Protein backbone atom coordinates (compact mmCIF):
# COMPACT_ATOMS: atom_id res chain seq x y z
CA MET A 1 -0.58 40.36 -13.63
CA ALA A 2 -1.69 37.89 -16.09
CA ALA A 3 -5.44 36.58 -15.89
CA ALA A 4 -6.04 33.01 -14.44
CA PHE A 5 -8.65 30.76 -12.92
CA LYS A 6 -7.62 30.00 -9.25
CA GLU A 7 -10.07 28.27 -6.78
CA VAL A 8 -11.67 29.81 -4.29
CA TRP A 9 -9.41 27.59 -1.46
CA LYS A 10 -8.04 24.46 -1.82
CA TRP A 11 -9.47 20.69 -3.23
CA SER A 12 -13.05 22.84 -3.71
CA GLY A 13 -12.94 21.48 -7.34
CA VAL A 14 -11.55 23.90 -9.12
CA ASP A 15 -8.48 21.90 -10.68
CA GLU A 16 -5.70 24.85 -11.43
CA LYS A 17 -3.39 21.83 -12.77
CA ALA A 18 -5.45 20.69 -15.27
CA GLY A 19 -3.96 19.52 -18.81
CA GLY A 20 -4.60 22.14 -21.17
CA GLY A 21 -5.43 25.16 -18.23
CA PRO A 22 -7.36 25.29 -15.77
CA ALA A 23 -10.66 23.46 -15.59
CA MET A 24 -13.52 22.64 -12.59
CA ILE A 25 -16.16 19.99 -12.05
CA VAL A 26 -19.82 21.25 -11.63
CA PRO A 27 -22.69 19.07 -9.79
CA HIS A 28 -25.68 18.24 -12.33
CA GLY A 29 -28.35 20.79 -11.09
CA GLY A 30 -25.73 22.51 -9.09
CA VAL A 31 -23.86 25.27 -8.27
CA ASN A 32 -19.71 25.89 -7.89
CA PHE A 33 -17.08 28.64 -7.37
CA VAL A 34 -14.39 30.00 -9.15
CA GLN A 35 -12.59 32.86 -8.77
CA LEU A 36 -10.34 35.70 -11.72
CA GLU A 37 -7.65 36.70 -10.84
CA GLY A 38 -5.78 39.84 -12.61
CA GLY A 39 -9.29 40.13 -14.64
CA SER A 40 -10.49 43.33 -13.87
CA GLY A 41 -12.51 44.70 -16.62
CA LEU A 42 -12.99 41.76 -18.50
CA VAL A 43 -15.90 39.94 -19.84
CA VAL A 44 -16.51 36.52 -18.18
CA ARG A 45 -18.89 34.68 -20.08
CA VAL A 46 -19.75 31.11 -21.14
CA LYS A 47 -17.99 30.36 -24.65
CA LYS A 48 -20.08 29.97 -27.84
CA SER A 49 -18.85 28.12 -30.09
CA ALA A 50 -19.65 26.24 -33.78
CA LYS A 51 -17.41 23.56 -32.20
CA ALA A 52 -18.92 23.66 -29.34
CA ASN A 53 -20.61 20.73 -27.85
CA SER A 54 -24.67 21.95 -28.67
CA ARG A 55 -25.77 20.14 -25.70
CA ALA A 56 -23.69 22.21 -22.80
CA LYS A 57 -25.26 24.30 -20.85
CA ILE A 58 -24.20 26.22 -18.03
CA ARG A 59 -24.46 29.73 -16.39
CA ILE A 60 -21.80 31.50 -14.75
CA THR A 61 -22.78 34.76 -12.94
CA GLU A 62 -20.85 37.16 -10.57
CA LEU A 63 -21.01 37.33 -7.05
CA ALA A 64 -21.16 41.23 -5.74
CA ASP A 65 -19.95 39.96 -2.02
CA ALA A 66 -18.23 36.44 -2.06
CA VAL A 67 -17.59 36.87 2.27
CA THR A 68 -21.73 37.19 2.49
CA HIS A 69 -23.21 35.02 0.42
CA GLY A 70 -24.94 32.52 1.77
CA GLU A 71 -23.96 29.37 -0.26
CA LEU A 72 -20.07 30.21 -0.52
CA ALA A 73 -20.24 30.67 3.23
CA THR A 74 -21.92 27.10 4.21
CA ARG A 75 -19.44 25.72 2.63
CA ARG A 76 -16.18 27.68 4.24
CA GLN A 77 -18.32 27.07 7.30
CA ALA A 78 -17.85 23.21 6.45
CA GLN A 79 -14.45 23.37 5.62
CA LEU A 80 -13.38 24.51 9.04
CA MET A 81 -14.38 21.66 10.33
CA LEU A 82 -10.85 20.14 8.87
CA ARG A 83 -9.02 23.14 8.18
CA PRO A 84 -9.25 26.10 10.90
CA GLU A 85 -7.23 28.59 8.27
CA CYS A 86 -9.71 28.06 5.25
CA SER A 87 -11.13 31.59 4.31
CA VAL A 88 -12.02 33.72 0.77
CA PRO A 89 -8.90 35.34 -0.59
CA GLY A 90 -8.97 39.44 -1.94
CA GLY A 91 -8.72 41.32 -4.40
CA ARG A 92 -10.13 38.57 -6.97
CA ARG A 93 -13.45 38.65 -8.95
CA THR A 94 -15.23 35.09 -7.56
CA PHE A 95 -18.50 33.61 -9.63
CA ALA A 96 -21.19 31.06 -9.17
CA VAL A 97 -21.39 28.39 -11.86
CA PHE A 98 -24.31 26.61 -12.25
CA GLY A 99 -24.47 22.87 -14.20
CA ASP A 100 -27.88 22.60 -15.77
CA ILE A 101 -26.99 20.11 -18.76
CA PRO A 102 -23.91 17.62 -18.58
CA ALA A 103 -22.41 17.52 -21.94
CA GLY A 104 -19.66 15.15 -21.96
CA ALA A 105 -16.08 14.65 -20.35
CA GLN A 106 -14.63 17.62 -22.13
CA GLY A 107 -17.83 20.07 -21.32
CA ALA A 108 -18.19 23.49 -21.84
CA GLU A 109 -15.83 26.74 -21.93
CA VAL A 110 -15.76 29.85 -19.26
CA GLU A 111 -13.44 32.72 -21.46
CA ALA A 112 -12.04 36.31 -20.32
CA PHE A 113 -12.27 38.27 -22.67
CA ASN A 114 -10.24 41.35 -22.61
CA PRO A 115 -12.93 44.25 -24.57
CA GLY A 116 -10.17 46.07 -25.46
CA THR A 117 -7.88 43.78 -27.09
CA GLN A 118 -10.26 41.44 -28.25
CA SER A 119 -8.51 38.72 -26.99
CA VAL A 120 -9.06 35.68 -24.44
CA ASP A 121 -6.91 36.56 -21.68
CA ALA A 122 -8.42 33.17 -19.50
CA ARG A 123 -10.27 29.74 -20.67
CA LEU A 124 -11.76 27.77 -18.07
CA ARG A 125 -13.40 24.12 -18.80
CA VAL A 126 -16.04 23.45 -16.92
CA VAL A 127 -17.93 19.66 -16.61
CA VAL A 128 -20.98 18.62 -15.68
CA LEU A 129 -21.04 15.85 -13.25
CA LYS A 130 -24.81 14.17 -12.58
CA PRO A 131 -23.82 12.69 -8.98
CA ARG A 132 -22.37 9.49 -8.04
CA ALA A 133 -24.46 7.71 -4.80
CA VAL A 134 -22.72 5.42 -2.94
CA LYS A 135 -23.24 4.15 0.77
CA ILE A 136 -20.40 2.67 3.45
CA SER A 137 -20.66 1.33 6.17
CA LEU A 138 -18.04 2.47 9.03
CA ARG A 139 -17.59 -0.13 11.86
CA VAL A 140 -15.02 -0.79 14.78
CA LEU A 141 -13.50 -3.71 15.11
CA GLN A 142 -13.88 -5.40 18.62
CA THR A 143 -11.66 -7.86 20.71
CA VAL A 144 -12.28 -8.91 24.02
CA ASP A 145 -11.25 -7.51 27.29
CA GLU A 146 -10.08 -9.08 30.88
CA SER A 147 -13.61 -10.01 31.17
CA ASN A 148 -13.91 -11.37 28.48
CA LYS A 149 -15.90 -9.06 27.44
CA PRO A 150 -16.71 -7.04 24.06
CA ALA A 151 -14.45 -4.32 23.73
CA PRO A 152 -13.70 -1.83 21.11
CA HIS A 153 -9.83 -2.19 19.31
CA SER A 154 -10.02 1.53 18.30
CA LYS A 155 -9.43 3.84 21.26
CA LEU A 156 -11.12 6.99 19.29
CA LYS A 157 -14.70 8.13 19.50
CA PHE A 158 -16.77 6.64 16.84
CA GLU A 159 -18.77 9.68 16.03
CA PRO A 160 -20.17 8.34 12.07
CA GLU A 161 -22.07 10.97 11.03
CA ARG A 162 -18.69 12.79 11.79
CA LEU A 163 -16.99 10.88 9.45
CA LEU A 164 -19.34 10.84 7.43
CA ALA A 165 -19.35 14.61 7.03
CA TYR A 166 -15.37 14.10 6.40
CA LEU A 167 -15.90 11.99 4.16
CA ASN A 168 -18.56 14.67 1.57
CA LEU A 169 -16.49 17.47 2.63
CA ILE A 170 -13.43 16.30 1.05
CA LEU A 171 -15.15 14.00 -1.99
CA THR A 172 -18.20 15.76 -3.45
CA PRO A 173 -16.93 19.63 -4.16
CA GLN A 174 -14.37 17.63 -6.30
CA THR A 175 -16.21 14.09 -7.73
CA ASN A 176 -19.60 14.54 -6.81
CA ILE A 177 -19.79 11.36 -5.12
CA VAL A 178 -22.31 11.67 -2.31
CA VAL A 179 -21.88 9.45 0.20
CA SER A 180 -24.66 7.86 2.99
CA LEU A 181 -23.78 5.67 5.61
CA GLY A 182 -24.47 1.87 5.97
CA VAL A 183 -24.40 -0.56 8.94
CA THR A 184 -22.50 1.55 11.70
CA ALA A 185 -22.34 -1.46 14.39
CA PRO A 186 -19.57 -2.82 16.32
CA ALA A 187 -18.27 -5.81 14.47
CA ALA A 188 -17.88 -8.71 16.50
CA PRO A 189 -14.93 -10.04 18.30
CA LEU A 190 -13.23 -12.40 15.91
CA ASP A 191 -13.23 -16.52 17.06
CA GLU A 192 -10.28 -16.83 18.64
CA ALA A 193 -9.52 -20.46 17.57
CA ARG A 194 -9.67 -18.17 14.04
CA ILE A 195 -7.11 -16.19 15.19
CA ALA A 196 -4.96 -18.48 16.19
CA LYS A 197 -5.16 -20.01 12.78
CA ALA A 198 -4.55 -16.54 11.34
CA LEU A 199 -1.76 -16.21 13.45
CA ASP A 200 0.03 -19.23 12.57
CA LEU A 201 -0.06 -19.90 15.98
CA LYS A 202 0.63 -23.29 17.94
CA ALA A 203 -2.10 -22.23 20.80
CA ALA A 204 -5.28 -23.31 20.16
CA LYS A 205 -6.88 -19.84 20.38
CA ALA A 206 -5.31 -16.02 20.99
CA ARG A 207 -6.44 -12.47 21.21
CA LEU A 208 -6.30 -10.29 18.60
CA PRO A 209 -3.12 -8.45 18.59
CA GLU A 210 -2.65 -4.61 19.30
CA VAL A 211 -1.67 -4.17 15.17
CA VAL A 212 -3.89 -6.18 12.94
CA SER A 213 -2.30 -7.36 9.63
CA PHE A 214 -4.45 -7.15 6.98
CA ASP A 215 -3.31 -10.37 5.02
CA ARG A 216 -3.67 -11.65 7.76
CA PHE A 217 -7.31 -10.99 9.05
CA LYS A 218 -9.28 -9.41 5.89
CA ASP A 219 -11.17 -12.97 5.14
CA LEU A 220 -11.61 -13.37 8.68
CA LEU A 221 -13.15 -9.60 8.81
CA ALA A 222 -15.01 -9.97 5.38
CA ALA A 223 -18.24 -11.64 6.76
CA GLN A 224 -18.25 -9.35 8.54
CA ARG A 225 -19.19 -7.01 5.40
CA ASP A 226 -22.25 -5.05 5.04
CA THR A 227 -23.91 -6.65 1.89
CA ASP A 228 -25.87 -3.63 1.83
CA ALA A 229 -22.96 -1.15 1.32
CA ALA A 230 -20.79 -0.50 -1.03
CA CYS A 231 -18.00 -0.91 0.80
CA THR A 232 -16.89 -1.23 4.69
CA ILE A 233 -13.93 0.29 6.55
CA PHE A 234 -13.43 -1.52 9.55
CA LEU A 235 -11.63 1.08 11.99
CA MET A 236 -8.94 -0.31 14.81
CA LYS A 237 -6.13 1.21 16.80
CA LYS A 238 -3.35 -0.20 13.90
CA VAL A 239 -3.14 -1.58 11.22
CA GLY A 240 -0.21 -3.82 10.21
CA SER A 241 0.47 -4.69 6.20
CA GLY A 242 2.56 -7.23 4.64
CA LEU A 243 4.24 -10.41 5.93
CA ASN A 244 7.61 -11.54 6.62
CA GLN A 245 9.35 -14.30 5.94
CA ASN A 246 8.65 -15.79 9.50
CA GLY A 247 5.13 -13.89 9.67
CA SER A 248 5.74 -11.44 10.88
CA ILE A 249 4.02 -7.88 9.84
CA SER A 250 6.63 -5.55 7.51
CA LYS A 251 4.74 -2.10 8.72
CA GLU A 252 2.31 -0.46 10.56
CA VAL A 253 0.87 1.53 8.65
CA LEU A 254 -2.11 4.34 8.45
CA GLY A 255 -4.88 2.13 6.41
CA ARG A 256 -5.19 -0.78 3.66
CA MET A 257 -7.81 -1.35 1.54
CA ASP A 258 -8.99 -4.84 -0.69
CA SER A 259 -11.60 -3.58 -3.81
CA ASN A 260 -12.26 -6.97 -4.68
CA LEU A 261 -13.47 -8.05 -0.67
CA ASN A 262 -14.69 -4.73 -0.81
CA ILE A 263 -13.10 -3.93 2.39
CA GLY A 264 -10.66 -1.50 4.50
CA MET A 265 -9.30 -1.16 7.45
CA VAL A 266 -8.09 2.46 9.18
CA ALA A 267 -5.89 2.51 12.14
CA ASP A 268 -6.46 5.42 14.99
CA ASN A 269 -5.34 8.41 14.74
CA GLU A 270 -5.50 11.93 17.24
CA ASP A 271 -5.14 13.75 14.23
CA THR A 272 -8.43 14.73 13.52
CA PHE A 273 -7.08 15.85 9.63
CA PHE A 274 -4.88 12.54 8.71
CA TYR A 275 -7.59 10.65 10.35
CA ALA A 276 -9.97 11.98 7.75
CA ARG A 277 -8.10 12.22 4.71
CA THR A 278 -6.66 8.58 5.59
CA LEU A 279 -10.49 7.46 5.58
CA ALA A 280 -10.51 9.11 1.93
CA HIS A 281 -7.95 7.85 0.95
CA GLU A 282 -8.48 4.17 1.57
CA PHE A 283 -11.92 4.81 0.26
CA GLY A 284 -10.58 5.85 -2.81
CA HIS A 285 -8.89 3.00 -4.03
CA PHE A 286 -12.01 1.69 -3.64
CA LEU A 287 -14.22 4.28 -5.24
CA GLY A 288 -11.48 4.75 -8.12
CA ARG A 289 -10.84 0.92 -8.62
CA TYR A 290 -10.49 -0.15 -12.12
CA ARG A 291 -10.12 -3.48 -14.48
CA LYS A 292 -6.95 -4.08 -16.69
CA ASP A 293 -7.80 -5.97 -19.71
CA GLY A 294 -8.48 -8.85 -19.62
CA GLU A 295 -8.55 -9.21 -16.33
CA LYS A 296 -11.46 -9.85 -14.60
CA THR A 297 -10.95 -8.78 -10.64
CA TYR A 298 -10.28 -5.00 -9.49
CA SER A 299 -7.45 -3.59 -9.01
CA GLY A 300 -7.81 -0.44 -6.53
CA PHE A 301 -7.34 2.32 -7.48
CA ASP A 302 -3.08 3.23 -7.37
CA ASP A 303 -1.19 5.18 -4.57
CA LEU A 304 0.13 8.63 -6.61
CA ARG A 305 3.79 9.17 -6.06
CA THR A 306 4.14 12.70 -6.61
CA ASP A 307 2.32 15.80 -5.50
CA SER A 308 1.92 15.54 -1.73
CA ASP A 309 -1.20 17.48 -1.47
CA GLN A 310 -3.42 14.69 -3.65
CA LEU A 311 -5.52 12.77 -1.93
CA MET A 312 -4.25 9.50 -3.80
CA ARG A 313 -0.61 10.38 -2.86
CA GLN A 314 0.54 7.60 -0.48
CA GLY A 315 1.56 9.60 2.84
CA GLY A 316 0.50 13.17 1.47
CA SER A 317 -0.61 16.27 3.21
CA GLY A 318 -3.54 17.00 1.12
CA TRP A 319 -7.24 15.77 -0.41
CA ARG A 320 -6.96 17.74 -3.56
CA ILE A 321 -8.46 15.39 -6.47
CA PRO A 322 -7.21 16.20 -10.15
CA LEU A 323 -10.16 16.56 -12.84
CA GLU A 324 -8.91 13.79 -15.07
CA HIS A 325 -8.30 11.25 -12.19
CA CYS A 326 -12.25 12.15 -11.09
CA ILE A 327 -13.89 11.65 -14.40
CA GLY A 328 -11.41 8.89 -15.95
CA TYR A 329 -12.34 6.79 -11.95
CA PHE A 330 -13.96 8.49 -9.77
CA ASN A 331 -16.95 9.75 -11.03
CA PRO A 332 -17.42 9.64 -15.36
CA ASN A 333 -21.17 10.62 -15.04
CA TYR A 334 -20.33 13.15 -17.30
């Protein structure tokens, strides 16, 4: 078996599919973990070269027992919130990589050196990232019940601290983005006259429909955005997207984001894994937003059409963030 650097478990900050070979991110002043498969007898070391960036400084240490290692065990325990199958693969060597000094996008290089053949059998690019702190506001949209009292449009139990934990579980290991919470109070019910106008109804007033069209209601919701947070995501039962010529909603979707208004919507989902993924996916459109040449407004990070395990794959089933997407869009603090 050829030697190769591998992620300890999926979506943990090691990009096995990176261009040029496996790569990983390590938080500045922190640690991340990687495994070496088929590397018995190889010397794993930080490459020293006259061509290497002289500012690069990382350290690498092999773990005698990866399963019981404190920090690794803590991270695995956190992963179990969303992935009960998460475990540390056996039969591989496991290493802790420490990021002491950021060294640019190219980073430093770890090599698995074969003393017998005097060759390098495996390489690993290591990019040290400073943290990117981002505050998000999560607000349950309210409607009114039959007694004209405020009632949540979403039917899920609202646990903002748990949702925050999910976001950091998905984003921090892969991007060193550290998310904090802004306002979590419910969003006030929208004015019924303005709802009727947004729906192009002849009636003077209307109640919020079961499927809330992002295109019709985003401007109204923008007024309830938390201005102290980078982004506000409103949680509700169902989200609609697009408008047909007759004004009806084109389709029901899991979520939407407007990266200029800094607001998004996420629909209820009883499946915790996919609910957390949708929340991170919509937030990802904002986190990875960019400006095209000559434009003043932002474009949200695009929906991807390949690799179903990627977070930004529309309708995907995973949350992988490739290294080049991370340092090119999500967190260029290298």
